[in-house]
Amino acid sequence: MMKSMNTRTVDSTLESSEGNLANIAALVMVGILSIVILNDWQSWQESGPQLGLMLLFAMVMLRMQGRHSPREAHLYISLQTLIISLALLQGTVFLLLFFILSAQAMVGLPTRAGLRWISLFAVITVIGNFVNDFDLVPDLINSVVNCAGFLFFGAFGNALMRAETARAESQKLLAELQAAHSQLQSYAERVETLAVAEERNRLSREMHDTLGHRLTVSIVQLEGARRLLERDPDRAGQMIQTVHNELKDGLAELRDTLAALRSPIVTGETLLQALFKLTADFENATRLVIHTDFPKEWPTLTESQALTIYRMTQEALTNVQRHATASAVRMTVTFVRGQASVHIEDDGVGFDPQRITPGIGLRGMRERAAQLHGQVEITSQPQQGVRLKLTLPLQEEKFHA
């Protein structure tokens, strides 16, 4: 930002210096003509009006410094042209003022309008040369030289004006570029902040879905093993072995989550196999009956889609174990018209949706689904169980057994 401010300061200083130099050059020429008048002073009746016209020309020129509207520029040039024309009645030396006016006409007006004024200056010059001292050849040569000078000074003024316009445009583009760069930096910072927040949410979901499910099953198994330890040691041992397996799998999933947040589905294992394993392990651990209805053919799912279905099933079964007091669960998976649907129902106590605040598990399921443009619906009534439905749009139509 400081560099931008310095650049604008230097550019404005250069522009101001160029304008001052042009004005100084014009004033020098007016001063030279005034000295010529004073050097050839005749009387106040003859030389006084000439000096007055020079002073008036200089005053109008100083008054019209800077940029003005085309209407004001035409008015200024008209007034200066009248002053020069009156001065020409006293001598042709005042034609030199048209050099100044030619440059100003091409700077302050469009090119065509400036050329029309230069043409008028040329006509006045020819008339002035012939009126003051009619000598055909010398007057014609002087007129041609003067007109060529007008064009040269006009072209110089036009080039200066174009350069200033180009510089102003470049400064505007630079300011826009700097503003865009600043906005891009701000956007990048916001994206980074959102990415960090999203990653934290993802870690929270992963930790909840993996450890939450495993620890819930383990707690249930340990409670059952504690009650059966004396009456049925074999059954208690099986339950403790189940706890061991759950904790072992949970530790492996935790390591995967912390290392790379990869899918918990074993490499090479399909989602169908992972769901069968998940429901079978849950049945063995909780003695709940899980009825599954899976299609024979499955579309090719992305890793995110497969992980979302797996995690939602895991979270739903965990909630059934913790809250439902159910005896059976039904899970149905369908793929119809480019959409995957997962239904999980239990015959438990249910709940009143108006009185229950969604926990981190439900929020995590909805966030996962929303990231894949899907949605999660949960319906329940007291003593009527819970029905959970996940829908995901599919991009692939290839099916496999």
Protein backbone atom coordinates (compact mmCIF):
# COMPACT_ATOMS: atom_id res chain seq x y z
CA MET A 1 0.00 0.00 0.00
CA MET A 2 2.84 2.38 0.85
CA LYS A 3 4.43 1.59 -2.51
CA SER A 4 1.16 2.42 -4.28
CA MET A 5 0.90 5.74 -2.46
CA ASN A 6 4.48 6.60 -3.37
CA THR A 7 3.82 5.72 -7.02
CA ARG A 8 0.75 7.96 -7.17
CA THR A 9 2.64 10.77 -5.45
CA VAL A 10 5.51 10.57 -7.95
CA ASP A 11 3.11 10.44 -10.92
CA SER A 12 1.11 13.43 -9.69
CA THR A 13 4.36 15.33 -9.08
CA LEU A 14 5.54 14.58 -12.64
CA GLU A 15 2.19 15.64 -14.10
CA SER A 16 2.25 18.86 -12.08
CA SER A 17 5.83 19.53 -13.18
CA GLU A 18 4.96 19.05 -16.86
CA GLY A 19 1.98 21.40 -16.54
CA ASN A 20 4.14 24.00 -14.81
CA LEU A 21 6.81 23.72 -17.51
CA ALA A 22 4.23 24.26 -20.26
CA ASN A 23 2.84 27.30 -18.48
CA ILE A 24 6.32 28.67 -17.86
CA ALA A 25 7.20 28.25 -21.54
CA ALA A 26 4.02 30.10 -22.55
CA LEU A 27 4.68 32.87 -20.05
CA VAL A 28 8.28 33.17 -21.30
CA MET A 29 7.00 33.72 -24.83
CA VAL A 30 4.51 36.31 -23.61
CA GLY A 31 7.32 37.95 -21.63
CA ILE A 32 9.58 38.05 -24.70
CA LEU A 33 6.84 39.68 -26.75
CA SER A 34 6.25 42.17 -23.94
CA ILE A 35 9.98 43.01 -23.93
CA VAL A 36 9.84 43.51 -27.71
CA ILE A 37 6.94 45.92 -27.22
CA LEU A 38 8.79 47.81 -24.51
CA ASN A 39 11.98 47.88 -26.62
CA ASP A 40 10.11 49.38 -29.59
CA TRP A 41 7.98 51.64 -27.43
CA GLN A 42 6.42 54.40 -29.42
CA SER A 43 3.77 55.94 -27.25
CA TRP A 44 0.94 54.96 -24.96
CA GLN A 45 -1.47 55.39 -27.83
CA GLU A 46 0.45 52.92 -30.05
CA SER A 47 2.37 50.57 -27.74
CA GLY A 48 0.10 50.75 -24.69
CA PRO A 49 -2.73 48.67 -26.22
CA GLN A 50 -0.22 46.05 -27.39
CA LEU A 51 1.19 45.69 -23.88
CA GLY A 52 -2.31 45.57 -22.43
CA LEU A 53 -3.32 42.80 -24.82
CA MET A 54 -0.23 40.78 -23.82
CA LEU A 55 -1.08 41.17 -20.15
CA LEU A 56 -4.71 40.22 -20.84
CA PHE A 57 -3.55 37.15 -22.79
CA ALA A 58 -1.33 36.09 -19.87
CA MET A 59 -4.12 36.63 -17.32
CA VAL A 60 -6.64 34.57 -19.29
CA MET A 61 -4.05 31.83 -19.80
CA LEU A 62 -3.28 31.65 -16.07
CA ARG A 63 -6.99 31.72 -15.26
CA MET A 64 -7.67 28.69 -17.48
CA GLN A 65 -4.96 26.44 -16.08
CA GLY A 66 -5.89 22.78 -15.57
CA ARG A 67 -8.51 20.64 -17.23
CA HIS A 68 -11.86 22.08 -18.28
CA SER A 69 -14.94 21.01 -20.15
CA PRO A 70 -14.93 21.27 -23.99
CA ARG A 71 -17.34 24.20 -23.75
CA GLU A 72 -15.01 26.11 -21.42
CA ALA A 73 -12.02 25.24 -23.64
CA HIS A 74 -13.78 26.60 -26.73
CA LEU A 75 -14.67 29.78 -24.84
CA TYR A 76 -11.08 30.20 -23.67
CA ILE A 77 -9.59 29.65 -27.15
CA SER A 78 -12.16 32.00 -28.68
CA LEU A 79 -11.24 34.75 -26.22
CA GLN A 80 -7.51 34.23 -26.77
CA THR A 81 -7.98 34.18 -30.54
CA LEU A 82 -9.79 37.52 -30.32
CA ILE A 83 -6.94 38.96 -28.24
CA ILE A 84 -4.32 37.76 -30.74
CA SER A 85 -6.37 39.07 -33.70
CA LEU A 86 -6.56 42.50 -32.10
CA ALA A 87 -2.81 42.39 -31.43
CA LEU A 88 -2.14 41.46 -35.08
CA LEU A 89 -3.53 44.83 -36.10
CA GLN A 90 -0.43 46.29 -34.46
CA GLY A 91 2.14 43.81 -35.85
CA THR A 92 2.70 40.28 -37.14
CA VAL A 93 5.06 39.38 -34.28
CA PHE A 94 2.03 38.46 -32.22
CA LEU A 95 1.43 35.49 -34.52
CA LEU A 96 3.84 33.65 -32.22
CA LEU A 97 1.01 33.41 -29.69
CA PHE A 98 -0.82 31.06 -32.02
CA PHE A 99 1.93 28.49 -31.35
CA ILE A 100 0.87 28.46 -27.70
CA LEU A 101 -2.80 28.38 -28.57
CA SER A 102 -2.33 25.53 -31.09
CA ALA A 103 -0.84 23.29 -28.41
CA GLN A 104 -3.58 24.24 -25.94
CA ALA A 105 -6.31 23.55 -28.51
CA MET A 106 -5.01 20.02 -29.16
CA VAL A 107 -4.64 19.34 -25.42
CA GLY A 108 -7.99 20.65 -24.23
CA LEU A 109 -10.20 19.53 -27.15
CA PRO A 110 -10.78 16.43 -29.27
CA THR A 111 -8.40 16.04 -32.21
CA ARG A 112 -10.85 17.17 -34.90
CA ALA A 113 -11.94 20.23 -32.95
CA GLY A 114 -8.30 21.12 -32.28
CA LEU A 115 -7.44 20.81 -35.98
CA ARG A 116 -10.34 23.09 -36.88
CA TRP A 117 -9.00 25.73 -34.53
CA ILE A 118 -5.49 25.37 -36.02
CA SER A 119 -7.02 25.83 -39.47
CA LEU A 120 -8.65 29.04 -38.24
CA PHE A 121 -5.30 30.19 -36.84
CA ALA A 122 -3.75 29.52 -40.24
CA VAL A 123 -6.42 31.62 -42.00
CA ILE A 124 -5.96 34.48 -39.54
CA THR A 125 -2.19 34.24 -39.99
CA VAL A 126 -2.43 34.49 -43.79
CA ILE A 127 -4.79 37.45 -43.53
CA GLY A 128 -2.59 39.14 -40.93
CA ASN A 129 0.55 38.70 -42.99
CA PHE A 130 -1.04 40.17 -46.10
CA VAL A 131 -2.85 43.00 -44.28
CA ASN A 132 0.17 44.31 -42.40
CA ASP A 133 2.65 44.26 -45.26
CA PHE A 134 1.46 42.93 -48.59
CA ASP A 135 4.39 41.15 -50.21
CA LEU A 136 3.16 37.99 -51.91
CA VAL A 137 6.15 35.65 -51.87
CA PRO A 138 7.62 36.51 -48.43
CA ASP A 139 4.14 36.65 -46.86
CA LEU A 140 3.26 33.30 -48.42
CA ILE A 141 6.48 31.72 -47.16
CA ASN A 142 5.94 33.14 -43.67
CA SER A 143 2.38 31.91 -43.66
CA VAL A 144 3.42 28.38 -44.66
CA VAL A 145 6.17 28.34 -42.02
CA ASN A 146 3.80 29.62 -39.36
CA CYS A 147 1.11 27.09 -40.28
CA ALA A 148 3.64 24.26 -40.18
CA GLY A 149 4.68 25.49 -36.74
CA PHE A 150 1.07 25.48 -35.59
CA LEU A 151 0.70 21.87 -36.71
CA PHE A 152 3.94 20.89 -35.03
CA PHE A 153 2.99 22.47 -31.70
CA GLY A 154 -0.52 21.03 -32.02
CA ALA A 155 0.87 17.55 -32.67
CA PHE A 156 3.18 17.93 -29.70
CA GLY A 157 0.29 18.99 -27.48
CA ASN A 158 -1.84 16.11 -28.77
CA ALA A 159 0.95 13.63 -28.05
CA LEU A 160 1.35 15.08 -24.58
CA MET A 161 -2.38 14.81 -23.98
CA ARG A 162 -2.44 11.18 -25.17
CA ALA A 163 0.52 10.33 -22.95
CA GLU A 164 -1.21 11.86 -19.94
CA THR A 165 -4.44 10.03 -20.77
CA ALA A 166 -2.57 6.75 -21.11
CA ARG A 167 -0.79 7.36 -17.83
CA ALA A 168 -4.07 8.19 -16.08
CA GLU A 169 -5.59 5.00 -17.48
CA SER A 170 -2.59 2.97 -16.36
CA GLN A 171 -2.86 4.51 -12.90
CA LYS A 172 -6.55 3.62 -12.80
CA LEU A 173 -5.82 0.05 -13.89
CA LEU A 174 -3.03 -0.17 -11.32
CA ALA A 175 -5.39 1.02 -8.59
CA GLU A 176 -8.01 -1.53 -9.69
CA LEU A 177 -5.36 -4.26 -9.78
CA GLN A 178 -4.17 -3.35 -6.31
CA ALA A 179 -7.76 -3.33 -5.03
CA ALA A 180 -8.37 -6.72 -6.65
CA HIS A 181 -5.13 -8.01 -5.14
CA SER A 182 -6.21 -6.78 -1.72
CA GLN A 183 -9.60 -8.44 -2.14
CA LEU A 184 -7.92 -11.64 -3.28
CA GLN A 185 -5.69 -11.62 -0.22
CA SER A 186 -8.71 -11.06 2.03
CA TYR A 187 -10.58 -13.85 0.22
CA ALA A 188 -7.60 -16.19 0.57
CA GLU A 189 -7.45 -15.47 4.29
CA ARG A 190 -11.16 -16.19 4.66
CA VAL A 191 -10.83 -19.40 2.65
CA GLU A 192 -7.94 -20.47 4.83
CA THR A 193 -9.96 -19.75 7.96
CA LEU A 194 -12.93 -21.68 6.59
CA ALA A 195 -10.68 -24.55 5.56
CA VAL A 196 -9.25 -24.76 9.08
CA ALA A 197 -12.75 -24.67 10.58
CA GLU A 198 -13.95 -27.32 8.13
CA GLU A 199 -10.99 -29.53 8.92
CA ARG A 200 -11.71 -29.18 12.63
CA ASN A 201 -15.33 -30.13 12.04
CA ARG A 202 -14.21 -33.09 9.97
CA LEU A 203 -11.83 -34.24 12.68
CA SER A 204 -14.61 -33.86 15.22
CA ARG A 205 -16.94 -36.00 13.11
CA GLU A 206 -14.26 -38.62 12.50
CA MET A 207 -13.39 -38.87 16.18
CA HIS A 208 -17.04 -39.03 17.17
CA ASP A 209 -18.01 -41.59 14.55
CA THR A 210 -15.03 -43.89 15.10
CA LEU A 211 -14.33 -43.77 18.82
CA GLY A 212 -17.92 -43.04 19.81
CA HIS A 213 -19.23 -46.17 18.15
CA ARG A 214 -16.40 -48.42 19.32
CA LEU A 215 -16.46 -47.18 22.91
CA THR A 216 -20.25 -47.47 23.14
CA VAL A 217 -20.13 -51.10 22.05
CA SER A 218 -17.21 -51.77 24.39
CA ILE A 219 -19.01 -50.26 27.38
CA VAL A 220 -22.08 -52.38 26.72
CA GLN A 221 -19.94 -55.50 26.40
CA LEU A 222 -18.00 -54.80 29.59
CA GLU A 223 -21.21 -54.23 31.53
CA GLY A 224 -22.59 -57.50 30.26
CA ALA A 225 -19.34 -59.33 30.94
CA ARG A 226 -19.27 -58.01 34.51
CA ARG A 227 -22.75 -59.43 35.15
CA LEU A 228 -21.97 -62.81 33.52
CA LEU A 229 -18.46 -63.22 34.86
CA GLU A 230 -19.51 -65.64 37.65
CA ARG A 231 -22.58 -67.25 36.08
CA ASP A 232 -21.32 -67.75 32.50
CA PRO A 233 -17.55 -67.28 32.26
CA ASP A 234 -17.45 -68.49 28.64
CA ARG A 235 -20.01 -65.93 27.52
CA ALA A 236 -18.22 -63.24 29.54
CA GLY A 237 -14.96 -64.19 27.86
CA GLN A 238 -16.56 -63.88 24.43
CA MET A 239 -17.84 -60.42 25.34
CA ILE A 240 -14.43 -59.36 26.62
CA GLN A 241 -12.91 -60.64 23.37
CA THR A 242 -15.45 -58.54 21.49
CA VAL A 243 -14.37 -55.52 23.53
CA HIS A 244 -10.77 -56.30 22.69
CA ASN A 245 -11.58 -56.47 18.98
CA GLU A 246 -13.61 -53.26 19.10
CA LEU A 247 -10.83 -51.36 20.88
CA LYS A 248 -8.24 -52.78 18.51
CA ASP A 249 -10.27 -51.72 15.49
CA GLY A 250 -10.96 -48.34 17.09
CA LEU A 251 -7.27 -47.77 17.68
CA ALA A 252 -6.52 -48.61 14.05
CA GLU A 253 -9.24 -46.22 12.86
CA LEU A 254 -7.95 -43.51 15.19
CA ARG A 255 -4.48 -43.86 13.76
CA ASP A 256 -5.84 -43.67 10.22
CA THR A 257 -7.92 -40.61 11.11
CA LEU A 258 -5.07 -38.74 12.68
CA ALA A 259 -2.62 -39.75 9.94
CA ALA A 260 -4.62 -39.09 6.80
CA LEU A 261 -8.35 -39.08 7.59
CA ARG A 262 -8.81 -42.01 5.25
CA SER A 263 -11.90 -44.15 5.00
CA PRO A 264 -12.17 -46.83 7.71
CA ILE A 265 -13.13 -49.35 5.04
CA VAL A 266 -10.21 -51.69 4.55
CA THR A 267 -8.43 -51.34 1.22
CA GLY A 268 -9.98 -53.75 -1.23
CA GLU A 269 -13.10 -54.25 0.90
CA THR A 270 -16.35 -53.09 -0.68
CA LEU A 271 -18.94 -51.00 1.11
CA LEU A 272 -21.37 -53.91 1.08
CA GLN A 273 -18.85 -56.15 2.84
CA ALA A 274 -18.05 -53.40 5.34
CA LEU A 275 -21.77 -52.93 6.15
CA PHE A 276 -22.26 -56.69 6.60
CA LYS A 277 -19.30 -56.78 8.96
CA LEU A 278 -20.51 -53.72 10.87
CA THR A 279 -24.05 -55.06 11.39
CA ALA A 280 -22.81 -58.56 12.26
CA ASP A 281 -20.38 -57.24 14.86
CA PHE A 282 -23.11 -55.02 16.29
CA GLU A 283 -25.51 -57.95 16.54
CA ASN A 284 -22.94 -60.08 18.34
CA ALA A 285 -22.08 -57.26 20.72
CA THR A 286 -25.59 -56.09 21.61
CA ARG A 287 -27.87 -59.08 20.87
CA LEU A 288 -30.07 -56.77 18.81
CA VAL A 289 -31.58 -58.24 15.66
CA ILE A 290 -30.65 -56.31 12.52
CA HIS A 291 -32.64 -57.05 9.35
CA THR A 292 -30.78 -55.94 6.26
CA ASP A 293 -32.15 -55.47 2.76
CA PHE A 294 -29.31 -54.72 0.36
CA PRO A 295 -29.54 -54.71 -3.45
CA LYS A 296 -27.64 -57.32 -5.43
CA GLU A 297 -26.03 -54.70 -7.67
CA TRP A 298 -24.31 -51.59 -6.38
CA PRO A 299 -23.25 -48.54 -8.38
CA THR A 300 -19.66 -47.34 -8.34
CA LEU A 301 -19.56 -44.97 -5.36
CA THR A 302 -16.93 -42.40 -4.63
CA GLU A 303 -14.87 -42.76 -1.48
CA SER A 304 -16.76 -39.85 0.11
CA GLN A 305 -20.14 -41.38 -0.71
CA ALA A 306 -19.14 -44.79 0.64
CA LEU A 307 -17.69 -43.22 3.78
CA THR A 308 -20.84 -41.16 4.38
CA ILE A 309 -23.11 -44.22 4.12
CA TYR A 310 -20.83 -46.22 6.39
CA ARG A 311 -20.55 -43.46 9.00
CA MET A 312 -24.28 -42.79 9.02
CA THR A 313 -25.00 -46.50 9.57
CA GLN A 314 -22.41 -46.59 12.34
CA GLU A 315 -23.87 -43.52 14.07
CA ALA A 316 -27.47 -44.77 13.71
CA LEU A 317 -26.64 -48.15 15.28
CA THR A 318 -24.76 -46.41 18.10
CA ASN A 319 -27.78 -44.22 18.83
CA VAL A 320 -30.08 -47.26 18.80
CA GLN A 321 -27.87 -48.94 21.38
CA ARG A 322 -27.60 -45.85 23.58
CA HIS A 323 -31.11 -44.40 23.44
CA ALA A 324 -33.70 -46.55 21.66
CA THR A 325 -34.21 -49.53 24.02
CA ALA A 326 -35.05 -51.42 20.85
CA SER A 327 -35.14 -55.12 20.09
CA ALA A 328 -34.78 -54.99 16.32
CA VAL A 329 -33.46 -52.73 13.59
CA ARG A 330 -34.20 -52.74 9.87
CA MET A 331 -31.73 -51.33 7.36
CA THR A 332 -32.62 -50.89 3.69
CA VAL A 333 -30.38 -49.60 0.90
CA THR A 334 -31.75 -48.70 -2.55
CA PHE A 335 -30.38 -47.10 -5.70
CA VAL A 336 -33.13 -45.60 -7.83
CA ARG A 337 -33.03 -42.91 -10.56
CA GLY A 338 -29.52 -41.71 -9.83
CA GLN A 339 -30.05 -41.50 -6.08
CA ALA A 340 -28.83 -43.60 -3.18
CA SER A 341 -31.20 -44.03 -0.23
CA VAL A 342 -30.41 -45.58 3.13
CA HIS A 343 -33.27 -46.26 5.58
CA ILE A 344 -32.65 -47.34 9.17
CA GLU A 345 -35.61 -47.97 11.47
CA ASP A 346 -35.88 -49.31 15.02
CA ASP A 347 -38.78 -50.43 17.21
CA GLY A 348 -37.60 -48.51 20.26
CA VAL A 349 -39.11 -45.86 22.50
CA GLY A 350 -38.64 -43.01 20.01
CA PHE A 351 -38.59 -39.35 21.05
CA ASP A 352 -40.34 -36.01 20.65
CA PRO A 353 -38.40 -34.00 18.00
CA GLN A 354 -39.64 -30.75 19.57
CA ARG A 355 -37.93 -31.51 22.88
CA ILE A 356 -34.70 -33.11 21.75
CA THR A 357 -31.75 -30.98 20.58
CA PRO A 358 -29.69 -32.65 17.82
CA GLY A 359 -26.34 -33.84 19.13
CA ILE A 360 -22.93 -33.78 17.50
CA GLY A 361 -23.58 -37.12 15.82
CA LEU A 362 -26.70 -35.94 14.00
CA ARG A 363 -25.05 -32.64 13.06
CA GLY A 364 -22.07 -34.57 11.73
CA MET A 365 -24.33 -36.80 9.59
CA ARG A 366 -26.10 -33.79 8.12
CA GLU A 367 -22.82 -32.01 7.42
CA ARG A 368 -21.43 -35.07 5.63
CA ALA A 369 -24.57 -35.38 3.53
CA ALA A 370 -24.67 -31.67 2.71
CA GLN A 371 -21.08 -31.78 1.43
CA LEU A 372 -22.24 -34.36 -1.14
CA HIS A 373 -25.46 -32.41 -1.95
CA GLY A 374 -27.51 -34.96 -0.04
CA GLN A 375 -29.67 -34.76 3.06
CA VAL A 376 -30.57 -36.63 6.25
CA GLU A 377 -34.15 -36.88 7.50
CA ILE A 378 -35.10 -38.15 10.96
CA THR A 379 -38.70 -38.76 12.02
CA SER A 380 -39.90 -40.12 15.33
CA GLN A 381 -42.75 -40.13 17.83
CA PRO A 382 -42.75 -41.33 21.42
CA GLN A 383 -43.11 -45.13 21.59
CA GLN A 384 -42.98 -45.38 17.78
CA GLY A 385 -39.29 -45.83 17.15
CA VAL A 386 -36.99 -43.74 15.01
CA ARG A 387 -36.76 -43.65 11.22
CA LEU A 388 -33.60 -42.24 9.65
CA LYS A 389 -33.19 -41.66 5.93
CA LEU A 390 -30.07 -40.65 4.03
CA THR A 391 -30.29 -39.63 0.36
CA LEU A 392 -27.30 -38.92 -1.87
CA PRO A 393 -27.25 -38.00 -5.57
CA LEU A 394 -25.14 -40.36 -7.66
CA GLN A 395 -22.85 -39.32 -10.49
CA GLU A 396 -21.99 -42.80 -11.64
CA GLU A 397 -24.48 -45.20 -13.22
CA LYS A 398 -22.12 -48.22 -13.43
CA PHE A 399 -23.31 -51.12 -11.30
CA HIS A 400 -21.43 -54.09 -9.98
CA ALA A 401 -22.42 -57.15 -8.03
